């Protein structure tokens, strides 16, 4: 078992662990890196946060990116009108063509769905 000493009032005293056995951990600053957004070198955590905010970006880590994408608000009256048109005026074949085009457009515009 390793012993640790601390200096108290000019005298070294053996440090006793607390009952939980926990200790503090100081997180070191990040290593400088080159931004993939504009090529700028980022040297600190605070600069990293400012850089993300200035470029309207978020850091997701291991999170699911889909939960960070803002979902568009649907106008209920427009939605009801579209539902009526699809159910009452379009054939299944016409609806399938529209749905296929919308899916292709969504896959093209959403960078997380490109495959």
PDB file of N, CA and C in Angstrom:
ATOM      1  N   UNK A   1       0.829  -1.169   0.000  1.00  0.00           N
ATOM      2  CA  UNK A   1       0.000   0.000   0.000  1.00  0.00           C
ATOM      3  C   UNK A   1       0.882   1.243   0.000  1.00  0.00           C
ATOM      4  N   UNK A   2       0.552   2.151  -0.889  1.00  0.00           N
ATOM      5  CA  UNK A   2       1.340   3.366  -1.025  1.00  0.00           C
ATOM      6  C   UNK A   2       0.901   4.394   0.014  1.00  0.00           C
ATOM      7  N   UNK A   3       1.862   5.007   0.672  1.00  0.00           N
ATOM      8  CA  UNK A   3       1.549   6.032   1.661  1.00  0.00           C
ATOM      9  C   UNK A   3       1.735   7.405   1.034  1.00  0.00           C
ATOM     10  N   UNK A   4       0.853   8.312   1.421  1.00  0.00           N
ATOM     11  CA  UNK A   4       0.918   9.676   0.914  1.00  0.00           C
ATOM     12  C   UNK A   4       1.002  10.623   2.100  1.00  0.00           C
ATOM     13  N   UNK A   5       1.861  11.631   1.963  1.00  0.00           N
ATOM     14  CA  UNK A   5       2.043  12.607   3.029  1.00  0.00           C
ATOM     15  C   UNK A   5       1.677  13.993   2.526  1.00  0.00           C
ATOM     16  N   UNK A   6       1.154  14.806   3.432  1.00  0.00           N
ATOM     17  CA  UNK A   6       0.832  16.190   3.132  1.00  0.00           C
ATOM     18  C   UNK A   6       1.531  17.089   4.141  1.00  0.00           C
ATOM     19  N   UNK A   7       1.789  18.312   3.726  1.00  0.00           N
ATOM     20  CA  UNK A   7       2.474  19.276   4.588  1.00  0.00           C
ATOM     21  C   UNK A   7       1.437  20.131   5.312  1.00  0.00           C
ATOM     22  N   UNK A   8       1.369  19.999   6.634  1.00  0.00           N
ATOM     23  CA  UNK A   8       0.438  20.784   7.451  1.00  0.00           C
ATOM     24  C   UNK A   8       1.240  21.508   8.524  1.00  0.00           C
ATOM     25  N   UNK A   9       1.148  22.829   8.514  1.00  0.00           N
ATOM     26  CA  UNK A   9       1.866  23.671   9.484  1.00  0.00           C
ATOM     27  C   UNK A   9       3.357  23.337   9.512  1.00  0.00           C
ATOM     28  N   UNK A  10       3.940  23.143   8.343  1.00  0.00           N
ATOM     29  CA  UNK A  10       5.371  22.889   8.252  1.00  0.00           C
ATOM     30  C   UNK A  10       5.777  21.485   8.637  1.00  0.00           C
ATOM     31  N   UNK A  11       4.841  20.573   8.829  1.00  0.00           N
ATOM     32  CA  UNK A  11       5.142  19.215   9.256  1.00  0.00           C
ATOM     33  C   UNK A  11       4.467  18.220   8.312  1.00  0.00           C
ATOM     34  N   UNK A  12       5.190  17.190   7.885  1.00  0.00           N
ATOM     35  CA  UNK A  12       4.618  16.156   7.024  1.00  0.00           C
ATOM     36  C   UNK A  12       3.770  15.202   7.859  1.00  0.00           C
ATOM     37  N   UNK A  13       2.533  15.009   7.419  1.00  0.00           N
ATOM     38  CA  UNK A  13       1.603  14.137   8.117  1.00  0.00           C
ATOM     39  C   UNK A  13       1.061  13.144   7.090  1.00  0.00           C
ATOM     40  N   UNK A  14       0.948  11.886   7.532  1.00  0.00           N
ATOM     41  CA  UNK A  14       0.418  10.878   6.613  1.00  0.00           C
ATOM     42  C   UNK A  14      -1.043  11.201   6.293  1.00  0.00           C
ATOM     43  N   UNK A  15      -1.342  11.197   5.012  1.00  0.00           N
ATOM     44  CA  UNK A  15      -2.709  11.502   4.591  1.00  0.00           C
ATOM     45  C   UNK A  15      -3.586  10.276   4.771  1.00  0.00           C
ATOM     46  N   UNK A  16      -4.718  10.489   5.411  1.00  0.00           N
ATOM     47  CA  UNK A  16      -5.654   9.393   5.624  1.00  0.00           C
ATOM     48  C   UNK A  16      -6.742   9.480   4.572  1.00  0.00           C
ATOM     49  N   UNK A  17      -7.114   8.345   4.046  1.00  0.00           N
ATOM     50  CA  UNK A  17      -8.202   8.324   3.068  1.00  0.00           C
ATOM     51  C   UNK A  17      -9.515   8.517   3.784  1.00  0.00           C
ATOM     52  N   UNK A  18     -10.448   9.175   3.077  1.00  0.00           N
ATOM     53  CA  UNK A  18     -11.768   9.314   3.689  1.00  0.00           C
ATOM     54  C   UNK A  18     -12.490   7.975   3.634  1.00  0.00           C
ATOM     55  N   UNK A  19     -13.597   7.892   4.298  1.00  0.00           N
ATOM     56  CA  UNK A  19     -14.309   6.624   4.426  1.00  0.00           C
ATOM     57  C   UNK A  19     -14.803   6.104   3.077  1.00  0.00           C
ATOM     58  N   UNK A  20     -15.053   6.994   2.108  1.00  0.00           N
ATOM     59  CA  UNK A  20     -15.531   6.566   0.793  1.00  0.00           C
ATOM     60  C   UNK A  20     -14.383   6.103  -0.102  1.00  0.00           C
ATOM     61  N   UNK A  21     -13.183   6.502   0.227  1.00  0.00           N
ATOM     62  CA  UNK A  21     -12.027   6.118  -0.577  1.00  0.00           C
ATOM     63  C   UNK A  21     -11.936   6.895  -1.878  1.00  0.00           C
ATOM     64  N   UNK A  22     -12.666   7.993  -1.995  1.00  0.00           N
ATOM     65  CA  UNK A  22     -12.632   8.758  -3.233  1.00  0.00           C
ATOM     66  C   UNK A  22     -11.594   9.859  -3.138  1.00  0.00           C
ATOM     67  N   UNK A  23     -11.217  10.354  -4.289  1.00  0.00           N
ATOM     68  CA  UNK A  23     -10.287  11.471  -4.319  1.00  0.00           C
ATOM     69  C   UNK A  23     -10.665  12.372  -5.487  1.00  0.00           C
ATOM     70  N   UNK A  24     -10.032  13.512  -5.577  1.00  0.00           N
ATOM     71  CA  UNK A  24     -10.319  14.467  -6.627  1.00  0.00           C
ATOM     72  C   UNK A  24      -9.544  14.129  -7.886  1.00  0.00           C
ATOM     73  N   UNK A  25     -10.134  14.499  -9.004  1.00  0.00           N
ATOM     74  CA  UNK A  25      -9.456  14.320 -10.287  1.00  0.00           C
ATOM     75  C   UNK A  25      -9.567  15.627 -11.050  1.00  0.00           C
ATOM     76  N   UNK A  26      -8.455  16.191 -11.417  1.00  0.00           N
ATOM     77  CA  UNK A  26      -8.447  17.436 -12.182  1.00  0.00           C
ATOM     78  C   UNK A  26      -8.320  17.071 -13.650  1.00  0.00           C
ATOM     79  N   UNK A  27      -9.283  17.529 -14.426  1.00  0.00           N
ATOM     80  CA  UNK A  27      -9.288  17.222 -15.855  1.00  0.00           C
ATOM     81  C   UNK A  27      -8.290  18.136 -16.546  1.00  0.00           C
ATOM     82  N   UNK A  28      -7.331  17.567 -17.263  1.00  0.00           N
ATOM     83  CA  UNK A  28      -6.358  18.407 -17.961  1.00  0.00           C
ATOM     84  C   UNK A  28      -7.003  19.124 -19.145  1.00  0.00           C
ATOM     85  N   UNK A  29      -6.382  20.199 -19.580  1.00  0.00           N
ATOM     86  CA  UNK A  29      -6.891  20.926 -20.737  1.00  0.00           C
ATOM     87  C   UNK A  29      -6.714  20.070 -21.992  1.00  0.00           C
ATOM     88  N   UNK A  30      -7.473  20.393 -23.021  1.00  0.00           N
ATOM     89  CA  UNK A  30      -7.410  19.600 -24.242  1.00  0.00           C
ATOM     90  C   UNK A  30      -6.123  19.904 -25.007  1.00  0.00           C
ATOM     91  N   UNK A  31      -5.708  18.955 -25.809  1.00  0.00           N
ATOM     92  CA  UNK A  31      -4.559  19.165 -26.676  1.00  0.00           C
ATOM     93  C   UNK A  31      -5.002  20.020 -27.857  1.00  0.00           C
ATOM     94  N   UNK A  32      -4.148  20.913 -28.353  1.00  0.00           N
ATOM     95  CA  UNK A  32      -4.530  21.729 -29.510  1.00  0.00           C
ATOM     96  C   UNK A  32      -4.901  20.838 -30.702  1.00  0.00           C
ATOM     97  N   UNK A  33      -5.907  21.263 -31.438  1.00  0.00           N
ATOM     98  CA  UNK A  33      -6.316  20.527 -32.632  1.00  0.00           C
ATOM     99  C   UNK A  33      -6.749  21.508 -33.702  1.00  0.00           C
ATOM    100  N   UNK A  34      -6.762  21.028 -34.947  1.00  0.00           N
ATOM    101  CA  UNK A  34      -7.162  21.846 -36.087  1.00  0.00           C
ATOM    102  C   UNK A  34      -8.643  21.612 -36.349  1.00  0.00           C
ATOM    103  N   UNK A  35      -9.423  22.690 -36.381  1.00  0.00           N
ATOM    104  CA  UNK A  35     -10.862  22.599 -36.586  1.00  0.00           C
ATOM    105  C   UNK A  35     -11.183  22.059 -37.972  1.00  0.00           C
ATOM    106  N   UNK A  36     -12.159  21.152 -38.023  1.00  0.00           N
ATOM    107  CA  UNK A  36     -12.601  20.619 -39.304  1.00  0.00           C
ATOM    108  C   UNK A  36     -13.540  21.604 -39.997  1.00  0.00           C
ATOM    109  N   UNK A  37     -13.994  22.611 -39.282  1.00  0.00           N
ATOM    110  CA  UNK A  37     -14.915  23.592 -39.846  1.00  0.00           C
ATOM    111  C   UNK A  37     -14.176  24.609 -40.703  1.00  0.00           C
ATOM    112  N   UNK A  38     -13.141  25.233 -40.131  1.00  0.00           N
ATOM    113  CA  UNK A  38     -12.455  26.301 -40.864  1.00  0.00           C
ATOM    114  C   UNK A  38     -10.923  26.209 -40.819  1.00  0.00           C
ATOM    115  N   UNK A  39     -10.389  25.163 -40.209  1.00  0.00           N
ATOM    116  CA  UNK A  39      -8.935  24.982 -40.183  1.00  0.00           C
ATOM    117  C   UNK A  39      -8.225  25.739 -39.072  1.00  0.00           C
ATOM    118  N   UNK A  40      -8.961  26.471 -38.247  1.00  0.00           N
ATOM    119  CA  UNK A  40      -8.368  27.228 -37.148  1.00  0.00           C
ATOM    120  C   UNK A  40      -7.861  26.267 -36.075  1.00  0.00           C
ATOM    121  N   UNK A  41      -6.748  26.616 -35.429  1.00  0.00           N
ATOM    122  CA  UNK A  41      -6.201  25.787 -34.357  1.00  0.00           C
ATOM    123  C   UNK A  41      -6.891  26.173 -33.043  1.00  0.00           C
ATOM    124  N   UNK A  42      -7.478  25.196 -32.377  1.00  0.00           N
ATOM    125  CA  UNK A  42      -8.175  25.391 -31.114  1.00  0.00           C
ATOM    126  C   UNK A  42      -7.257  24.899 -30.006  1.00  0.00           C
ATOM    127  N   UNK A  43      -7.027  25.751 -28.984  1.00  0.00           N
ATOM    128  CA  UNK A  43      -6.029  25.406 -27.971  1.00  0.00           C
ATOM    129  C   UNK A  43      -6.573  25.199 -26.564  1.00  0.00           C
ATOM    130  N   UNK A  44      -7.859  25.513 -26.325  1.00  0.00           N
ATOM    131  CA  UNK A  44      -8.388  25.348 -24.971  1.00  0.00           C
ATOM    132  C   UNK A  44      -9.854  24.938 -25.020  1.00  0.00           C
ATOM    133  N   UNK A  45     -10.358  24.454 -23.895  1.00  0.00           N
ATOM    134  CA  UNK A  45     -11.764  24.051 -23.821  1.00  0.00           C
ATOM    135  C   UNK A  45     -12.696  25.241 -24.036  1.00  0.00           C
ATOM    136  N   UNK A  46     -12.369  26.374 -23.443  1.00  0.00           N
ATOM    137  CA  UNK A  46     -13.228  27.555 -23.600  1.00  0.00           C
ATOM    138  C   UNK A  46     -13.248  28.007 -25.057  1.00  0.00           C
ATOM    139  N   UNK A  47     -12.108  27.969 -25.711  1.00  0.00           N
ATOM    140  CA  UNK A  47     -12.047  28.322 -27.132  1.00  0.00           C
ATOM    141  C   UNK A  47     -12.839  27.317 -27.967  1.00  0.00           C
ATOM    142  N   UNK A  48     -12.775  26.048 -27.577  1.00  0.00           N
ATOM    143  CA  UNK A  48     -13.532  24.989 -28.248  1.00  0.00           C
ATOM    144  C   UNK A  48     -15.034  25.274 -28.150  1.00  0.00           C
ATOM    145  N   UNK A  49     -15.519  25.616 -26.949  1.00  0.00           N
ATOM    146  CA  UNK A  49     -16.947  25.924 -26.766  1.00  0.00           C
ATOM    147  C   UNK A  49     -17.359  27.140 -27.584  1.00  0.00           C
ATOM    148  N   UNK A  50     -16.535  28.204 -27.562  1.00  0.00           N
ATOM    149  CA  UNK A  50     -16.849  29.414 -28.346  1.00  0.00           C
ATOM    150  C   UNK A  50     -16.875  29.110 -29.837  1.00  0.00           C
ATOM    151  N   UNK A  51     -15.934  28.300 -30.286  1.00  0.00           N
ATOM    152  CA  UNK A  51     -15.843  27.946 -31.704  1.00  0.00           C
ATOM    153  C   UNK A  51     -17.081  27.165 -32.152  1.00  0.00           C
ATOM    154  N   UNK A  52     -17.523  26.204 -31.342  1.00  0.00           N
ATOM    155  CA  UNK A  52     -18.724  25.444 -31.682  1.00  0.00           C
ATOM    156  C   UNK A  52     -19.947  26.355 -31.737  1.00  0.00           C
ATOM    157  N   UNK A  53     -20.079  27.238 -30.746  1.00  0.00           N
ATOM    158  CA  UNK A  53     -21.231  28.133 -30.699  1.00  0.00           C
ATOM    159  C   UNK A  53     -21.225  29.103 -31.877  1.00  0.00           C
ATOM    160  N   UNK A  54     -20.066  29.653 -32.210  1.00  0.00           N
ATOM    161  CA  UNK A  54     -19.963  30.616 -33.314  1.00  0.00           C
ATOM    162  C   UNK A  54     -20.305  29.977 -34.659  1.00  0.00           C
ATOM    163  N   UNK A  55     -20.067  28.671 -34.780  1.00  0.00           N
ATOM    164  CA  UNK A  55     -20.332  27.981 -36.041  1.00  0.00           C
ATOM    165  C   UNK A  55     -21.623  27.167 -36.001  1.00  0.00           C
ATOM    166  N   UNK A  56     -22.449  27.420 -34.972  1.00  0.00           N
ATOM    167  CA  UNK A  56     -23.743  26.754 -34.831  1.00  0.00           C
ATOM    168  C   UNK A  56     -23.607  25.228 -34.861  1.00  0.00           C
ATOM    169  N   UNK A  57     -22.632  24.730 -34.114  1.00  0.00           N
ATOM    170  CA  UNK A  57     -22.385  23.289 -34.034  1.00  0.00           C
ATOM    171  C   UNK A  57     -22.603  22.814 -32.601  1.00  0.00           C
ATOM    172  N   UNK A  58     -22.809  21.505 -32.460  1.00  0.00           N
ATOM    173  CA  UNK A  58     -22.927  20.911 -31.135  1.00  0.00           C
ATOM    174  C   UNK A  58     -21.989  19.709 -31.059  1.00  0.00           C
ATOM    175  N   UNK A  59     -21.588  19.399 -29.854  1.00  0.00           N
ATOM    176  CA  UNK A  59     -20.740  18.234 -29.620  1.00  0.00           C
ATOM    177  C   UNK A  59     -21.633  17.122 -29.102  1.00  0.00           C
ATOM    178  N   UNK A  60     -21.696  16.003 -29.834  1.00  0.00           N
ATOM    179  CA  UNK A  60     -22.619  14.951 -29.433  1.00  0.00           C
ATOM    180  C   UNK A  60     -21.934  13.759 -28.788  1.00  0.00           C
ATOM    181  N   UNK A  61     -20.665  13.573 -28.994  1.00  0.00           N
ATOM    182  CA  UNK A  61     -19.976  12.438 -28.380  1.00  0.00           C
ATOM    183  C   UNK A  61     -20.585  11.119 -28.803  1.00  0.00           C
ATOM    184  N   UNK A  62     -21.009  10.306 -27.833  1.00  0.00           N
ATOM    185  CA  UNK A  62     -21.598   9.003 -28.136  1.00  0.00           C
ATOM    186  C   UNK A  62     -23.118   9.054 -28.231  1.00  0.00           C
ATOM    187  N   UNK A  63     -23.699  10.255 -28.133  1.00  0.00           N
ATOM    188  CA  UNK A  63     -25.147  10.389 -28.233  1.00  0.00           C
ATOM    189  C   UNK A  63     -25.623  10.073 -29.645  1.00  0.00           C
ATOM    190  N   UNK A  64     -26.908   9.778 -29.757  1.00  0.00           N
ATOM    191  CA  UNK A  64     -27.535   9.581 -31.055  1.00  0.00           C
ATOM    192  C   UNK A  64     -27.722  10.948 -31.697  1.00  0.00           C
ATOM    193  N   UNK A  65     -27.099  11.228 -32.845  1.00  0.00           N
ATOM    194  CA  UNK A  65     -27.219  12.550 -33.461  1.00  0.00           C
ATOM    195  C   UNK A  65     -28.660  12.921 -33.786  1.00  0.00           C
ATOM    196  N   UNK A  66     -29.515  11.943 -34.024  1.00  0.00           N
ATOM    197  CA  UNK A  66     -30.897  12.226 -34.398  1.00  0.00           C
ATOM    198  C   UNK A  66     -31.638  12.988 -33.302  1.00  0.00           C
ATOM    199  N   UNK A  67     -31.285  12.759 -32.042  1.00  0.00           N
ATOM    200  CA  UNK A  67     -32.004  13.448 -30.971  1.00  0.00           C
ATOM    201  C   UNK A  67     -31.576  14.905 -30.831  1.00  0.00           C
ATOM    202  N   UNK A  68     -30.498  15.314 -31.512  1.00  0.00           N
ATOM    203  CA  UNK A  68     -30.036  16.696 -31.462  1.00  0.00           C
ATOM    204  C   UNK A  68     -30.517  17.511 -32.658  1.00  0.00           C
ATOM    205  N   UNK A  69     -31.136  16.855 -33.632  1.00  0.00           N
ATOM    206  CA  UNK A  69     -31.631  17.559 -34.810  1.00  0.00           C
ATOM    207  C   UNK A  69     -33.026  18.075 -34.501  1.00  0.00           C
ATOM    208  N   UNK A  70     -33.213  19.366 -34.692  1.00  0.00           N
ATOM    209  CA  UNK A  70     -34.513  19.971 -34.390  1.00  0.00           C
ATOM    210  C   UNK A  70     -35.556  19.456 -35.376  1.00  0.00           C
ATOM    211  N   UNK A  71     -36.669  19.007 -34.847  1.00  0.00           N
ATOM    212  CA  UNK A  71     -37.750  18.520 -35.688  1.00  0.00           C
ATOM    213  C   UNK A  71     -38.607  19.704 -36.121  1.00  0.00           C
ATOM    214  N   UNK A  72     -38.940  19.782 -37.397  1.00  0.00           N
ATOM    215  CA  UNK A  72     -39.748  20.912 -37.853  1.00  0.00           C
ATOM    216  C   UNK A  72     -41.155  20.856 -37.266  1.00  0.00           C
ATOM    217  N   UNK A  73     -41.693  22.022 -36.971  1.00  0.00           N
ATOM    218  CA  UNK A  73     -43.049  22.087 -36.446  1.00  0.00           C
ATOM    219  C   UNK A  73     -44.022  21.942 -37.610  1.00  0.00           C
ATOM    220  N   UNK A  74     -45.044  21.156 -37.420  1.00  0.00           N
ATOM    221  CA  UNK A  74     -46.015  20.898 -38.461  1.00  0.00           C
ATOM    222  C   UNK A  74     -47.248  21.752 -38.205  1.00  0.00           C
ATOM    223  N   UNK A  75     -47.646  22.492 -39.231  1.00  0.00           N
ATOM    224  CA  UNK A  75     -48.879  23.262 -39.149  1.00  0.00           C
ATOM    225  C   UNK A  75     -50.034  22.271 -39.236  1.00  0.00           C
ATOM    226  N   UNK A  76     -50.847  22.186 -38.190  1.00  0.00           N
ATOM    227  CA  UNK A  76     -51.909  21.178 -38.122  1.00  0.00           C
ATOM    228  C   UNK A  76     -52.888  21.289 -39.277  1.00  0.00           C
ATOM    229  N   UNK A  77     -53.274  22.515 -39.663  1.00  0.00           N
ATOM    230  CA  UNK A  77     -54.238  22.655 -40.755  1.00  0.00           C
ATOM    231  C   UNK A  77     -53.631  22.164 -42.070  1.00  0.00           C
ATOM    232  N   UNK A  78     -52.367  22.449 -42.283  1.00  0.00           N
ATOM    233  CA  UNK A  78     -51.689  21.986 -43.500  1.00  0.00           C
ATOM    234  C   UNK A  78     -51.576  20.464 -43.490  1.00  0.00           C
ATOM    235  N   UNK A  79     -51.247  19.928 -42.330  1.00  0.00           N
ATOM    236  CA  UNK A  79     -51.121  18.483 -42.196  1.00  0.00           C
ATOM    237  C   UNK A  79     -52.465  17.808 -42.506  1.00  0.00           C
ATOM    238  N   UNK A  80     -53.542  18.344 -41.960  1.00  0.00           N
ATOM    239  CA  UNK A  80     -54.869  17.767 -42.208  1.00  0.00           C
ATOM    240  C   UNK A  80     -55.228  17.847 -43.688  1.00  0.00           C
ATOM    241  N   UNK A  81     -54.884  18.962 -44.328  1.00  0.00           N
ATOM    242  CA  UNK A  81     -55.168  19.119 -45.760  1.00  0.00           C
ATOM    243  C   UNK A  81     -54.386  18.082 -46.581  1.00  0.00           C
ATOM    244  N   UNK A  82     -53.122  17.901 -46.260  1.00  0.00           N
ATOM    245  CA  UNK A  82     -52.306  16.906 -46.969  1.00  0.00           C
ATOM    246  C   UNK A  82     -52.856  15.501 -46.755  1.00  0.00           C
ATOM    247  N   UNK A  83     -53.243  15.219 -45.521  1.00  0.00           N
ATOM    248  CA  UNK A  83     -53.810  13.906 -45.215  1.00  0.00           C
ATOM    249  C   UNK A  83     -55.082  13.665 -46.034  1.00  0.00           C
ATOM    250  N   UNK A  84     -55.919  14.684 -46.143  1.00  0.00           N
ATOM    251  CA  UNK A  84     -57.141  14.566 -46.929  1.00  0.00           C
ATOM    252  C   UNK A  84     -56.812  14.286 -48.398  1.00  0.00           C
ATOM    253  N   UNK A  85     -55.845  15.046 -48.938  1.00  0.00           N
ATOM    254  CA  UNK A  85     -55.469  14.878 -50.342  1.00  0.00           C
ATOM    255  C   UNK A  85     -54.944  13.467 -50.598  1.00  0.00           C
ATOM    256  N   UNK A  86     -54.079  12.999 -49.713  1.00  0.00           N
ATOM    257  CA  UNK A  86     -53.497  11.661 -49.906  1.00  0.00           C
ATOM    258  C   UNK A  86     -54.570  10.585 -49.798  1.00  0.00           C
ATOM    259  N   UNK A  87     -55.452  10.712 -48.824  1.00  0.00           N
ATOM    260  CA  UNK A  87     -56.469   9.678 -48.604  1.00  0.00           C
ATOM    261  C   UNK A  87     -57.588   9.686 -49.643  1.00  0.00           C
ATOM    262  N   UNK A  88     -57.944  10.856 -50.164  1.00  0.00           N
ATOM    263  CA  UNK A  88     -59.140  10.945 -50.989  1.00  0.00           C
ATOM    264  C   UNK A  88     -58.906  11.270 -52.464  1.00  0.00           C
ATOM    265  N   UNK A  89     -57.774  11.846 -52.808  1.00  0.00           N
ATOM    266  CA  UNK A  89     -57.593  12.279 -54.185  1.00  0.00           C
ATOM    267  C   UNK A  89     -56.470  11.583 -54.937  1.00  0.00           C
ATOM    268  N   UNK A  90     -55.565  10.971 -54.221  1.00  0.00           N
ATOM    269  CA  UNK A  90     -54.433  10.318 -54.891  1.00  0.00           C
ATOM    270  C   UNK A  90     -54.647   8.811 -54.943  1.00  0.00           C
ATOM    271  N   UNK A  91     -54.136   8.221 -56.017  1.00  0.00           N
ATOM    272  CA  UNK A  91     -54.125   6.766 -56.074  1.00  0.00           C
ATOM    273  C   UNK A  91     -52.941   6.287 -55.240  1.00  0.00           C
ATOM    274  N   UNK A  92     -52.908   5.023 -54.915  1.00  0.00           N
ATOM    275  CA  UNK A  92     -51.775   4.473 -54.164  1.00  0.00           C
ATOM    276  C   UNK A  92     -50.470   4.663 -54.925  1.00  0.00           C
ATOM    277  N   UNK A  93     -50.510   4.486 -56.239  1.00  0.00           N
ATOM    278  CA  UNK A  93     -49.297   4.640 -57.043  1.00  0.00           C
ATOM    279  C   UNK A  93     -48.782   6.074 -56.984  1.00  0.00           C
ATOM    280  N   UNK A  94     -49.693   7.061 -57.075  1.00  0.00           N
ATOM    281  CA  UNK A  94     -49.285   8.467 -57.004  1.00  0.00           C
ATOM    282  C   UNK A  94     -48.699   8.787 -55.617  1.00  0.00           C
ATOM    283  N   UNK A  95     -49.331   8.282 -54.567  1.00  0.00           N
ATOM    284  CA  UNK A  95     -48.830   8.510 -53.210  1.00  0.00           C
ATOM    285  C   UNK A  95     -47.458   7.874 -53.019  1.00  0.00           C
ATOM    286  N   UNK A  96     -47.265   6.666 -53.579  1.00  0.00           N
ATOM    287  CA  UNK A  96     -45.967   5.991 -53.471  1.00  0.00           C
ATOM    288  C   UNK A  96     -44.863   6.804 -54.141  1.00  0.00           C
ATOM    289  N   UNK A  97     -45.150   7.395 -55.294  1.00  0.00           N
ATOM    290  CA  UNK A  97     -44.156   8.209 -56.006  1.00  0.00           C
ATOM    291  C   UNK A  97     -43.770   9.421 -55.159  1.00  0.00           C
ATOM    292  N   UNK A  98     -44.756  10.093 -54.582  1.00  0.00           N
ATOM    293  CA  UNK A  98     -44.486  11.269 -53.752  1.00  0.00           C
ATOM    294  C   UNK A  98     -43.676  10.887 -52.518  1.00  0.00           C
ATOM    295  N   UNK A  99     -44.068   9.808 -51.868  1.00  0.00           N
ATOM    296  CA  UNK A  99     -43.347   9.358 -50.667  1.00  0.00           C
ATOM    297  C   UNK A  99     -41.908   8.986 -51.006  1.00  0.00           C
ATOM    298  N   UNK A 100     -41.689   8.291 -52.120  1.00  0.00           N
ATOM    299  CA  UNK A 100     -40.332   7.906 -52.538  1.00  0.00           C
ATOM    300  C   UNK A 100     -39.471   9.152 -52.776  1.00  0.00           C
ATOM    301  N   UNK A 101     -40.041  10.162 -53.443  1.00  0.00           N
ATOM    302  CA  UNK A 101     -39.293  11.401 -53.700  1.00  0.00           C
ATOM    303  C   UNK A 101     -38.956  12.125 -52.404  1.00  0.00           C
ATOM    304  N   UNK A 102     -39.913  12.161 -51.483  1.00  0.00           N
ATOM    305  CA  UNK A 102     -39.659  12.812 -50.195  1.00  0.00           C
ATOM    306  C   UNK A 102     -38.572  12.091 -49.403  1.00  0.00           C
ATOM    307  N   UNK A 103     -38.581  10.772 -49.439  1.00  0.00           N
ATOM    308  CA  UNK A 103     -37.536  10.000 -48.738  1.00  0.00           C
ATOM    309  C   UNK A 103     -36.167  10.250 -49.351  1.00  0.00           C
ATOM    310  N   UNK A 104     -36.094  10.283 -50.672  1.00  0.00           N
ATOM    311  CA  UNK A 104     -34.818  10.552 -51.347  1.00  0.00           C
ATOM    312  C   UNK A 104     -34.306  11.937 -50.981  1.00  0.00           C
ATOM    313  N   UNK A 105     -35.208  12.912 -50.969  1.00  0.00           N
ATOM    314  CA  UNK A 105     -34.824  14.271 -50.609  1.00  0.00           C
ATOM    315  C   UNK A 105     -34.347  14.330 -49.156  1.00  0.00           C
ATOM    316  N   UNK A 106     -35.035  13.650 -48.250  1.00  0.00           N
ATOM    317  CA  UNK A 106     -34.643  13.646 -46.833  1.00  0.00           C
ATOM    318  C   UNK A 106     -33.287  12.980 -46.657  1.00  0.00           C
ATOM    319  N   UNK A 107     -33.034  11.884 -47.360  1.00  0.00           N
ATOM    320  CA  UNK A 107     -31.746  11.200 -47.254  1.00  0.00           C
ATOM    321  C   UNK A 107     -30.627  12.050 -47.822  1.00  0.00           C
ATOM    322  N   UNK A 108     -30.923  12.829 -48.846  1.00  0.00           N
ATOM    323  CA  UNK A 108     -29.887  13.665 -49.448  1.00  0.00           C
ATOM    324  C   UNK A 108     -29.550  14.859 -48.573  1.00  0.00           C
ATOM    325  N   UNK A 109     -30.563  15.461 -47.935  1.00  0.00           N
ATOM    326  CA  UNK A 109     -30.328  16.677 -47.157  1.00  0.00           C
ATOM    327  C   UNK A 109     -29.884  16.407 -45.731  1.00  0.00           C
ATOM    328  N   UNK A 110     -30.076  15.190 -45.220  1.00  0.00           N
ATOM    329  CA  UNK A 110     -29.678  14.871 -43.853  1.00  0.00           C
ATOM    330  C   UNK A 110     -28.328  14.164 -43.896  1.00  0.00           C
ATOM    331  N   UNK A 111     -27.244  14.820 -43.426  1.00  0.00           N
ATOM    332  CA  UNK A 111     -25.911  14.215 -43.524  1.00  0.00           C
ATOM    333  C   UNK A 111     -25.748  12.938 -42.717  1.00  0.00           C
ATOM    334  N   UNK A 112     -26.617  12.715 -41.739  1.00  0.00           N
ATOM    335  CA  UNK A 112     -26.511  11.512 -40.911  1.00  0.00           C
ATOM    336  C   UNK A 112     -27.166  10.303 -41.567  1.00  0.00           C
ATOM    337  N   UNK A 113     -27.889  10.516 -42.661  1.00  0.00           N
ATOM    338  CA  UNK A 113     -28.597   9.421 -43.296  1.00  0.00           C
ATOM    339  C   UNK A 113     -27.972   9.030 -44.622  1.00  0.00           C
ATOM    340  N   UNK A 114     -26.903   9.696 -45.001  1.00  0.00           N
ATOM    341  CA  UNK A 114     -26.243   9.332 -46.261  1.00  0.00           C
ATOM    342  C   UNK A 114     -25.608   7.976 -46.100  1.00  0.00           C
ATOM    343  N   UNK A 115     -25.710   7.180 -47.106  1.00  0.00           N
ATOM    344  CA  UNK A 115     -25.158   5.847 -46.969  1.00  0.00           C
ATOM    345  C   UNK A 115     -24.373   5.448 -48.052  1.00  0.00           C
TER     346      UNK A 115
END
